[in-house]
PDB file of N, CA and C in Angstrom:
ATOM      1  N   MET A   1      62.030  69.726  89.285  1.00  0.00           N
ATOM      2  CA  MET A   1      61.084  69.190  88.404  1.00  0.00           C
ATOM      3  C   MET A   1      59.596  68.745  89.142  1.00  0.00           C
ATOM      4  N   SER A   2      58.606  68.777  88.500  1.00  0.00           N
ATOM      5  CA  SER A   2      57.339  68.650  89.493  1.00  0.00           C
ATOM      6  C   SER A   2      57.065  67.197  89.933  1.00  0.00           C
ATOM      7  N   LYS A   3      56.036  67.070  91.077  1.00  0.00           N
ATOM      8  CA  LYS A   3      56.313  65.566  91.542  1.00  0.00           C
ATOM      9  C   LYS A   3      55.530  64.775  90.557  1.00  0.00           C
ATOM     10  N   ALA A   4      54.802  65.320  89.662  1.00  0.00           N
ATOM     11  CA  ALA A   4      54.298  64.448  88.766  1.00  0.00           C
ATOM     12  C   ALA A   4      55.309  64.078  87.785  1.00  0.00           C
ATOM     13  N   GLY A   5      56.125  64.783  87.129  1.00  0.00           N
ATOM     14  CA  GLY A   5      56.990  64.585  86.464  1.00  0.00           C
ATOM     15  C   GLY A   5      57.970  63.236  87.186  1.00  0.00           C
ATOM     16  N   THR A   6      58.588  63.565  88.082  1.00  0.00           N
ATOM     17  CA  THR A   6      59.615  62.894  88.853  1.00  0.00           C
ATOM     18  C   THR A   6      58.796  61.266  88.894  1.00  0.00           C
ATOM     19  N   ARG A   7      57.489  61.076  89.226  1.00  0.00           N
ATOM     20  CA  ARG A   7      56.741  59.966  89.050  1.00  0.00           C
ATOM     21  C   ARG A   7      56.525  59.396  87.747  1.00  0.00           C
ATOM     22  N   LEU A   8      56.786  60.400  86.738  1.00  0.00           N
ATOM     23  CA  LEU A   8      56.505  59.903  85.589  1.00  0.00           C
ATOM     24  C   LEU A   8      57.833  59.177  85.041  1.00  0.00           C
ATOM     25  N   ILE A   9      58.788  59.689  85.186  1.00  0.00           N
ATOM     26  CA  ILE A   9      60.246  59.466  85.158  1.00  0.00           C
ATOM     27  C   ILE A   9      60.490  57.756  85.713  1.00  0.00           C
ATOM     28  N   GLU A  10      60.219  58.124  86.997  1.00  0.00           N
ATOM     29  CA  GLU A  10      60.226  56.672  88.046  1.00  0.00           C
ATOM     30  C   GLU A  10      59.491  55.598  87.141  1.00  0.00           C
ATOM     31  N   ALA A  11      58.146  55.906  86.640  1.00  0.00           N
ATOM     32  CA  ALA A  11      57.504  54.932  86.022  1.00  0.00           C
ATOM     33  C   ALA A  11      57.779  54.258  84.898  1.00  0.00           C
ATOM     34  N   ALA A  12      58.663  55.281  84.002  1.00  0.00           N
ATOM     35  CA  ALA A  12      59.329  54.781  82.971  1.00  0.00           C
ATOM     36  C   ALA A  12      60.543  54.201  83.054  1.00  0.00           C
ATOM     37  N   ARG A  13      61.245  54.344  84.048  1.00  0.00           N
ATOM     38  CA  ARG A  13      62.735  53.478  84.493  1.00  0.00           C
ATOM     39  C   ARG A  13      62.131  52.073  84.990  1.00  0.00           C
ATOM     40  N   GLU A  14      61.132  52.242  85.713  1.00  0.00           N
ATOM     41  CA  GLU A  14      60.447  50.878  86.333  1.00  0.00           C
ATOM     42  C   GLU A  14      59.967  49.900  85.232  1.00  0.00           C
ATOM     43  N   ALA A  15      59.477  50.618  84.189  1.00  0.00           N
ATOM     44  CA  ALA A  15      58.836  49.973  82.680  1.00  0.00           C
ATOM     45  C   ALA A  15      60.130  49.537  82.053  1.00  0.00           C
ATOM     46  N   ALA A  16      61.099  50.024  82.046  1.00  0.00           N
ATOM     47  CA  ALA A  16      62.251  49.546  81.160  1.00  0.00           C
ATOM     48  C   ALA A  16      62.780  48.275  81.833  1.00  0.00           C
ATOM     49  N   LEU A  17      62.823  48.455  83.251  1.00  0.00           N
ATOM     50  CA  LEU A  17      63.442  47.109  83.688  1.00  0.00           C
ATOM     51  C   LEU A  17      62.351  45.875  83.954  1.00  0.00           C
ATOM     52  N   ILE A  18      61.328  46.355  83.647  1.00  0.00           N
ATOM     53  CA  ILE A  18      59.961  45.042  83.612  1.00  0.00           C
ATOM     54  C   ILE A  18      60.236  44.588  82.302  1.00  0.00           C
ATOM     55  N   ALA A  19      60.207  45.429  81.106  1.00  0.00           N
ATOM     56  CA  ALA A  19      60.473  45.031  79.857  1.00  0.00           C
ATOM     57  C   ALA A  19      61.835  44.231  79.652  1.00  0.00           C
ATOM     58  N   ARG A  20      62.754  44.694  80.177  1.00  0.00           N
ATOM     59  CA  ARG A  20      63.866  43.741  80.004  1.00  0.00           C
ATOM     60  C   ARG A  20      64.121  42.463  80.971  1.00  0.00           C
ATOM     61  N   GLY A  21      63.138  42.043  81.713  1.00  0.00           N
ATOM     62  CA  GLY A  21      63.147  41.174  82.556  1.00  0.00           C
ATOM     63  C   GLY A  21      63.933  41.218  83.958  1.00  0.00           C
ATOM     64  N   GLU A  22      64.049  42.409  84.458  1.00  0.00           N
ATOM     65  CA  GLU A  22      65.091  42.627  85.389  1.00  0.00           C
ATOM     66  C   GLU A  22      64.344  43.024  86.736  1.00  0.00           C
ATOM     67  N   ALA A  23      62.955  42.999  86.180  1.00  0.00           N
ATOM     68  CA  ALA A  23      62.116  43.371  87.728  1.00  0.00           C
ATOM     69  C   ALA A  23      60.337  42.851  87.354  1.00  0.00           C
ATOM     70  N   PRO A  24      60.106  42.093  88.133  1.00  0.00           N
ATOM     71  CA  PRO A  24      58.894  41.462  87.948  1.00  0.00           C
ATOM     72  C   PRO A  24      57.712  42.850  87.774  1.00  0.00           C
ATOM     73  N   ALA A  25      56.500  42.272  87.091  1.00  0.00           N
ATOM     74  CA  ALA A  25      55.516  43.340  87.149  1.00  0.00           C
ATOM     75  C   ALA A  25      54.817  43.683  88.606  1.00  0.00           C
ATOM     76  N   ALA A  26      54.362  44.600  88.939  1.00  0.00           N
ATOM     77  CA  ALA A  26      53.457  44.748  90.150  1.00  0.00           C
ATOM     78  C   ALA A  26      52.377  44.045  89.829  1.00  0.00           C
ATOM     79  N   ALA A  27      51.937  43.750  89.083  1.00  0.00           N
ATOM     80  CA  ALA A  27      50.217  43.416  88.828  1.00  0.00           C
ATOM     81  C   ALA A  27      50.000  42.910  87.592  1.00  0.00           C
ATOM     82  N   GLU A  28      49.097  41.903  87.467  1.00  0.00           N
ATOM     83  CA  GLU A  28      48.548  41.533  86.292  1.00  0.00           C
ATOM     84  C   GLU A  28      48.105  42.716  85.411  1.00  0.00           C
ATOM     85  N   PHE A  29      47.684  42.411  84.264  1.00  0.00           N
ATOM     86  CA  PHE A  29      47.055  43.753  83.399  1.00  0.00           C
ATOM     87  C   PHE A  29      45.634  43.445  83.449  1.00  0.00           C
ATOM     88  N   VAL A  30      44.984  44.340  83.512  1.00  0.00           N
ATOM     89  CA  VAL A  30      43.606  44.162  83.562  1.00  0.00           C
ATOM     90  C   VAL A  30      43.086  45.300  82.633  1.00  0.00           C
ATOM     91  N   PRO A  31      42.552  45.050  81.475  1.00  0.00           N
ATOM     92  CA  PRO A  31      41.905  46.341  80.500  1.00  0.00           C
ATOM     93  C   PRO A  31      41.099  47.236  81.614  1.00  0.00           C
ATOM     94  N   ALA A  32      41.070  48.407  81.089  1.00  0.00           N
ATOM     95  CA  ALA A  32      40.286  49.744  81.641  1.00  0.00           C
ATOM     96  C   ALA A  32      38.889  49.425  81.289  1.00  0.00           C
ATOM     97  N   GLU A  33      38.709  48.951  79.992  1.00  0.00           N
ATOM     98  CA  GLU A  33      37.064  48.633  79.386  1.00  0.00           C
ATOM     99  C   GLU A  33      37.099  47.271  78.931  1.00  0.00           C
ATOM    100  N   ILE A  34      35.773  46.720  79.534  1.00  0.00           N
ATOM    101  CA  ILE A  34      35.312  45.544  79.046  1.00  0.00           C
ATOM    102  C   ILE A  34      34.043  45.673  78.163  1.00  0.00           C
ATOM    103  N   ASP A  35      34.011  44.796  77.249  1.00  0.00           N
ATOM    104  CA  ASP A  35      32.762  44.879  76.515  1.00  0.00           C
ATOM    105  C   ASP A  35      31.859  43.795  77.042  1.00  0.00           C
ATOM    106  N   VAL A  36      30.813  44.222  77.832  1.00  0.00           N
ATOM    107  CA  VAL A  36      29.969  43.257  78.613  1.00  0.00           C
ATOM    108  C   VAL A  36      29.104  42.761  77.692  1.00  0.00           C
ATOM    109  N   LYS A  37      28.454  43.714  76.885  1.00  0.00           N
ATOM    110  CA  LYS A  37      27.438  42.914  76.038  1.00  0.00           C
ATOM    111  C   LYS A  37      28.275  41.989  74.997  1.00  0.00           C
ATOM    112  N   ALA A  38      29.467  42.114  74.714  1.00  0.00           N
ATOM    113  CA  ALA A  38      30.087  41.241  73.878  1.00  0.00           C
ATOM    114  C   ALA A  38      30.119  39.955  74.686  1.00  0.00           C
ATOM    115  N   VAL A  39      30.657  39.967  76.073  1.00  0.00           N
ATOM    116  CA  VAL A  39      31.109  38.813  76.934  1.00  0.00           C
ATOM    117  C   VAL A  39      29.581  38.262  77.046  1.00  0.00           C
ATOM    118  N   ARG A  40      28.616  38.874  77.030  1.00  0.00           N
ATOM    119  CA  ARG A  40      27.122  38.227  77.267  1.00  0.00           C
ATOM    120  C   ARG A  40      26.837  37.609  76.267  1.00  0.00           C
ATOM    121  N   THR A  41      26.775  38.194  75.021  1.00  0.00           N
ATOM    122  CA  THR A  41      26.369  37.811  73.709  1.00  0.00           C
ATOM    123  C   THR A  41      27.006  36.645  73.247  1.00  0.00           C
ATOM    124  N   LYS A  42      28.210  36.575  73.482  1.00  0.00           N
ATOM    125  CA  LYS A  42      29.202  35.340  73.074  1.00  0.00           C
ATOM    126  C   LYS A  42      28.644  33.966  73.993  1.00  0.00           C
ATOM    127  N   LEU A  43      28.060  34.192  74.896  1.00  0.00           N
ATOM    128  CA  LEU A  43      27.502  33.026  75.929  1.00  0.00           C
ATOM    129  C   LEU A  43      26.101  32.694  75.769  1.00  0.00           C
ATOM    130  N   LYS A  44      25.706  33.762  74.603  1.00  0.00           N
ATOM    131  CA  LYS A  44      23.944  33.677  74.265  1.00  0.00           C
ATOM    132  C   LYS A  44      23.028  33.518  75.301  1.00  0.00           C
ATOM    133  N   LEU A  45      23.301  34.689  75.996  1.00  0.00           N
ATOM    134  CA  LEU A  45      22.454  34.925  77.486  1.00  0.00           C
ATOM    135  C   LEU A  45      21.830  36.318  77.466  1.00  0.00           C
ATOM    136  N   SER A  46      20.740  36.593  78.081  1.00  0.00           N
ATOM    137  CA  SER A  46      19.880  37.351  77.909  1.00  0.00           C
ATOM    138  C   SER A  46      20.517  38.567  79.032  1.00  0.00           C
ATOM    139  N   GLN A  47      20.370  39.444  79.227  1.00  0.00           N
ATOM    140  CA  GLN A  47      20.888  40.268  80.373  1.00  0.00           C
ATOM    141  C   GLN A  47      20.544  39.663  81.833  1.00  0.00           C
ATOM    142  N   GLU A  48      19.362  39.375  81.899  1.00  0.00           N
ATOM    143  CA  GLU A  48      18.620  38.657  83.087  1.00  0.00           C
ATOM    144  C   GLU A  48      19.637  37.214  83.400  1.00  0.00           C
ATOM    145  N   GLU A  49      19.838  36.489  82.326  1.00  0.00           N
ATOM    146  CA  GLU A  49      20.115  35.295  82.755  1.00  0.00           C
ATOM    147  C   GLU A  49      21.793  35.272  83.192  1.00  0.00           C
ATOM    148  N   PHE A  50      22.215  36.497  82.155  1.00  0.00           N
ATOM    149  CA  PHE A  50      23.688  36.841  82.671  1.00  0.00           C
ATOM    150  C   PHE A  50      23.904  37.184  84.025  1.00  0.00           C
ATOM    151  N   ALA A  51      23.149  37.955  84.316  1.00  0.00           N
ATOM    152  CA  ALA A  51      23.227  38.717  85.644  1.00  0.00           C
ATOM    153  C   ALA A  51      22.831  37.439  86.817  1.00  0.00           C
ATOM    154  N   HIS A  52      21.936  36.660  86.277  1.00  0.00           N
ATOM    155  CA  HIS A  52      21.411  35.827  87.455  1.00  0.00           C
ATOM    156  C   HIS A  52      22.565  34.795  87.622  1.00  0.00           C
ATOM    157  N   GLN A  53      23.066  34.104  86.716  1.00  0.00           N
ATOM    158  CA  GLN A  53      24.277  33.209  86.312  1.00  0.00           C
ATOM    159  C   GLN A  53      25.430  33.407  87.176  1.00  0.00           C
ATOM    160  N   PHE A  54      25.958  34.761  87.173  1.00  0.00           N
ATOM    161  CA  PHE A  54      26.997  35.130  87.600  1.00  0.00           C
ATOM    162  C   PHE A  54      26.880  36.388  88.913  1.00  0.00           C
ATOM    163  N   GLY A  55      25.916  36.566  89.550  1.00  0.00           N
ATOM    164  CA  GLY A  55      25.666  37.158  90.769  1.00  0.00           C
ATOM    165  C   GLY A  55      25.747  38.355  90.753  1.00  0.00           C
ATOM    166  N   LEU A  56      25.311  39.093  89.367  1.00  0.00           N
ATOM    167  CA  LEU A  56      25.327  40.358  89.091  1.00  0.00           C
ATOM    168  C   LEU A  56      23.788  40.762  89.432  1.00  0.00           C
ATOM    169  N   THR A  57      23.835  41.961  89.209  1.00  0.00           N
ATOM    170  CA  THR A  57      22.216  42.645  89.251  1.00  0.00           C
ATOM    171  C   THR A  57      21.846  43.144  87.863  1.00  0.00           C
ATOM    172  N   MET A  58      20.585  42.974  87.590  1.00  0.00           N
ATOM    173  CA  MET A  58      20.249  43.498  86.229  1.00  0.00           C
ATOM    174  C   MET A  58      20.638  44.960  85.733  1.00  0.00           C
ATOM    175  N   ASN A  59      20.562  45.750  87.029  1.00  0.00           N
ATOM    176  CA  ASN A  59      20.662  47.230  86.744  1.00  0.00           C
ATOM    177  C   ASN A  59      22.567  47.474  86.477  1.00  0.00           C
ATOM    178  N   GLN A  60      23.291  46.532  87.002  1.00  0.00           N
ATOM    179  CA  GLN A  60      24.742  46.729  86.857  1.00  0.00           C
ATOM    180  C   GLN A  60      24.825  46.422  85.195  1.00  0.00           C
ATOM    181  N   VAL A  61      24.325  45.095  84.688  1.00  0.00           N
ATOM    182  CA  VAL A  61      24.810  44.981  83.577  1.00  0.00           C
ATOM    183  C   VAL A  61      23.920  45.652  82.272  1.00  0.00           C
ATOM    184  N   ARG A  62      22.594  46.168  82.673  1.00  0.00           N
ATOM    185  CA  ARG A  62      22.197  47.274  81.973  1.00  0.00           C
ATOM    186  C   ARG A  62      22.899  48.547  81.969  1.00  0.00           C
ATOM    187  N   ASP A  63      23.217  48.831  82.871  1.00  0.00           N
ATOM    188  CA  ASP A  63      23.974  50.132  83.044  1.00  0.00           C
ATOM    189  C   ASP A  63      25.470  50.032  82.342  1.00  0.00           C
ATOM    190  N   TRP A  64      26.305  49.054  82.447  1.00  0.00           N
ATOM    191  CA  TRP A  64      27.391  48.638  81.871  1.00  0.00           C
ATOM    192  C   TRP A  64      27.349  48.608  80.309  1.00  0.00           C
ATOM    193  N   GLU A  65      26.297  48.021  80.049  1.00  0.00           N
ATOM    194  CA  GLU A  65      25.833  48.138  78.372  1.00  0.00           C
ATOM    195  C   GLU A  65      25.829  49.053  77.900  1.00  0.00           C
ATOM    196  N   GLN A  66      24.709  49.832  78.563  1.00  0.00           N
ATOM    197  CA  GLN A  66      24.215  51.430  78.018  1.00  0.00           C
ATOM    198  C   GLN A  66      25.346  52.408  78.115  1.00  0.00           C
ATOM    199  N   GLY A  67      26.514  52.028  78.834  1.00  0.00           N
ATOM    200  CA  GLY A  67      27.564  53.119  79.105  1.00  0.00           C
ATOM    201  C   GLY A  67      27.343  54.034  80.073  1.00  0.00           C
ATOM    202  N   ARG A  68      26.105  53.832  80.903  1.00  0.00           N
ATOM    203  CA  ARG A  68      26.086  54.745  82.004  1.00  0.00           C
ATOM    204  C   ARG A  68      26.941  54.673  83.327  1.00  0.00           C
ATOM    205  N   SER A  69      27.457  53.461  83.311  1.00  0.00           N
ATOM    206  CA  SER A  69      28.492  53.422  84.094  1.00  0.00           C
ATOM    207  C   SER A  69      29.423  51.794  83.679  1.00  0.00           C
ATOM    208  N   ARG A  70      30.776  51.816  84.294  1.00  0.00           N
ATOM    209  CA  ARG A  70      31.379  50.759  83.979  1.00  0.00           C
ATOM    210  C   ARG A  70      31.797  49.931  85.110  1.00  0.00           C
ATOM    211  N   PRO A  71      32.081  48.601  84.621  1.00  0.00           N
ATOM    212  CA  PRO A  71      32.807  47.794  85.665  1.00  0.00           C
ATOM    213  C   PRO A  71      34.146  48.108  86.321  1.00  0.00           C
ATOM    214  N   LEU A  72      34.396  48.249  87.468  1.00  0.00           N
ATOM    215  CA  LEU A  72      35.672  48.765  88.334  1.00  0.00           C
ATOM    216  C   LEU A  72      36.355  47.444  89.321  1.00  0.00           C
ATOM    217  N   GLY A  73      37.529  47.775  89.132  1.00  0.00           N
ATOM    218  CA  GLY A  73      38.383  47.059  90.268  1.00  0.00           C
ATOM    219  C   GLY A  73      38.113  45.556  90.024  1.00  0.00           C
ATOM    220  N   GLY A  74      37.995  44.773  91.016  1.00  0.00           N
ATOM    221  CA  GLY A  74      37.944  43.416  90.926  1.00  0.00           C
ATOM    222  C   GLY A  74      36.975  42.707  89.555  1.00  0.00           C
ATOM    223  N   VAL A  75      35.712  43.575  89.877  1.00  0.00           N
ATOM    224  CA  VAL A  75      34.720  43.159  88.720  1.00  0.00           C
ATOM    225  C   VAL A  75      35.112  43.150  87.220  1.00  0.00           C
ATOM    226  N   ARG A  76      36.143  43.589  86.746  1.00  0.00           N
ATOM    227  CA  ARG A  76      36.527  43.708  85.493  1.00  0.00           C
ATOM    228  C   ARG A  76      37.316  42.446  85.561  1.00  0.00           C
ATOM    229  N   THR A  77      37.955  42.047  86.620  1.00  0.00           N
ATOM    230  CA  THR A  77      38.828  40.685  86.590  1.00  0.00           C
ATOM    231  C   THR A  77      37.784  39.784  86.466  1.00  0.00           C
ATOM    232  N   TYR A  78      36.608  39.860  87.595  1.00  0.00           N
ATOM    233  CA  TYR A  78      35.691  38.744  87.179  1.00  0.00           C
ATOM    234  C   TYR A  78      35.075  38.488  85.993  1.00  0.00           C
ATOM    235  N   LEU A  79      34.718  39.535  85.215  1.00  0.00           N
ATOM    236  CA  LEU A  79      34.310  39.376  83.851  1.00  0.00           C
ATOM    237  C   LEU A  79      35.116  38.892  82.708  1.00  0.00           C
ATOM    238  N   LEU A  80      36.351  39.238  82.974  1.00  0.00           N
ATOM    239  CA  LEU A  80      37.365  38.631  82.311  1.00  0.00           C
ATOM    240  C   LEU A  80      37.417  36.852  82.373  1.00  0.00           C
ATOM    241  N   LEU A  81      37.335  36.568  83.580  1.00  0.00           N
ATOM    242  CA  LEU A  81      37.251  35.264  83.842  1.00  0.00           C
ATOM    243  C   LEU A  81      36.137  34.697  83.268  1.00  0.00           C
ATOM    244  N   ILE A  82      34.591  34.939  83.628  1.00  0.00           N
ATOM    245  CA  ILE A  82      33.713  34.904  82.710  1.00  0.00           C
ATOM    246  C   ILE A  82      33.826  34.577  81.233  1.00  0.00           C
ATOM    247  N   GLU A  83      34.500  35.564  80.664  1.00  0.00           N
ATOM    248  CA  GLU A  83      34.684  35.528  79.400  1.00  0.00           C
ATOM    249  C   GLU A  83      35.449  34.601  78.777  1.00  0.00           C
ATOM    250  N   ARG A  84      36.581  34.182  79.633  1.00  0.00           N
ATOM    251  CA  ARG A  84      37.854  33.262  79.186  1.00  0.00           C
ATOM    252  C   ARG A  84      36.953  31.778  79.643  1.00  0.00           C
ATOM    253  N   ASP A  85      36.346  31.633  80.599  1.00  0.00           N
ATOM    254  CA  ASP A  85      36.234  30.207  81.128  1.00  0.00           C
ATOM    255  C   ASP A  85      34.668  30.304  82.031  1.00  0.00           C
ATOM    256  N   PRO A  86      33.711  30.217  81.059  1.00  0.00           N
ATOM    257  CA  PRO A  86      32.354  30.728  82.082  1.00  0.00           C
ATOM    258  C   PRO A  86      32.322  29.229  82.672  1.00  0.00           C
ATOM    259  N   ASP A  87      32.460  28.075  82.108  1.00  0.00           N
ATOM    260  CA  ASP A  87      31.824  26.844  82.684  1.00  0.00           C
ATOM    261  C   ASP A  87      32.532  26.780  84.203  1.00  0.00           C
ATOM    262  N   SER A  88      33.778  26.976  84.116  1.00  0.00           N
ATOM    263  CA  SER A  88      34.543  27.078  85.382  1.00  0.00           C
ATOM    264  C   SER A  88      34.226  28.059  86.446  1.00  0.00           C
ATOM    265  N   VAL A  89      33.732  29.262  86.091  1.00  0.00           N
ATOM    266  CA  VAL A  89      33.336  30.211  86.937  1.00  0.00           C
ATOM    267  C   VAL A  89      31.991  29.743  87.547  1.00  0.00           C
ATOM    268  N   ARG A  90      31.086  29.038  86.561  1.00  0.00           N
ATOM    269  CA  ARG A  90      29.817  28.300  86.995  1.00  0.00           C
ATOM    270  C   ARG A  90      29.829  27.269  88.100  1.00  0.00           C
ATOM    271  N   GLN A  91      30.777  26.507  87.722  1.00  0.00           N
ATOM    272  CA  GLN A  91      31.378  25.599  88.596  1.00  0.00           C
ATOM    273  C   GLN A  91      31.468  25.907  90.159  1.00  0.00           C
ATOM    274  N   LEU A  92      32.415  26.855  89.993  1.00  0.00           N
ATOM    275  CA  LEU A  92      33.053  27.546  91.246  1.00  0.00           C
ATOM    276  C   LEU A  92      31.712  28.224  92.099  1.00  0.00           C
ATOM    277  N   LEU A  93      31.044  28.976  91.358  1.00  0.00           N
ATOM    278  CA  LEU A  93      29.688  29.464  92.208  1.00  0.00           C
ATOM    279  C   LEU A  93      28.686  28.407  92.731  1.00  0.00           C
ATOM    280  N   GLU A  94      28.479  27.573  91.881  1.00  0.00           N
ATOM    281  CA  GLU A  94      27.830  26.187  92.376  1.00  0.00           C
ATOM    282  C   GLU A  94      28.122  25.589  93.563  1.00  0.00           C
ATOM    283  N   SER A  95      29.597  25.519  93.556  1.00  0.00           N
ATOM    284  CA  SER A  95      30.243  24.839  94.898  1.00  0.00           C
ATOM    285  C   SER A  95      30.012  25.820  96.086  1.00  0.00           C
ATOM    286  N   ALA A  96      30.211  26.784  95.777  1.00  0.00           N
ATOM    287  CA  ALA A  96      29.933  28.141  96.733  1.00  0.00           C
ATOM    288  C   ALA A  96      28.784  28.001  97.403  1.00  0.00           C
ATOM    289  N   ARG A  97      27.617  27.791  96.692  1.00  0.00           N
ATOM    290  CA  ARG A  97      26.150  27.707  96.805  1.00  0.00           C
ATOM    291  C   ARG A  97      25.793  26.774  97.973  1.00  0.00           C
ATOM    292  N   LYS A  98      26.958  25.528  97.725  1.00  0.00           N
ATOM    293  CA  LYS A  98      26.382  24.091  98.088  1.00  0.00           C
ATOM    294  C   LYS A  98      27.031  24.236  99.708  1.00  0.00           C
ATOM    295  N   ALA A  99      28.214  24.832  99.745  1.00  0.00           N
ATOM    296  CA  ALA A  99      28.670  25.049 100.676  1.00  0.00           C
ATOM    297  C   ALA A  99      28.489  25.867 101.639  1.00  0.00           C
ATOM    298  N   ALA A 100      27.544  26.754 101.246  1.00  0.00           N
ATOM    299  CA  ALA A 100      26.949  27.710 102.153  1.00  0.00           C
ATOM    300  C   ALA A 100      25.545  27.526 102.939  1.00  0.00           C
TER     301      ALA A 100
END
């Protein structure tokens, strides 16, 4: 069997253990795709306001919304936090600014 096939079988076994509650999940699920425009419009912010409030660049926001790139890694998690609790994120950022 190929290495890829072996890894797939191991992954399926691990998934079954996790599903039965016999093993912890390795990491929390973060979706591969995040609709940045939907997050931003839900908050009723322009691209510029969204970028400024959350420490992003206009180019990042524009490129994500226009599909030229997508948020990767921890940025996806950050955007999920913004979507779910923008006020807490704003408070944390303000505390960090004051402490700096």
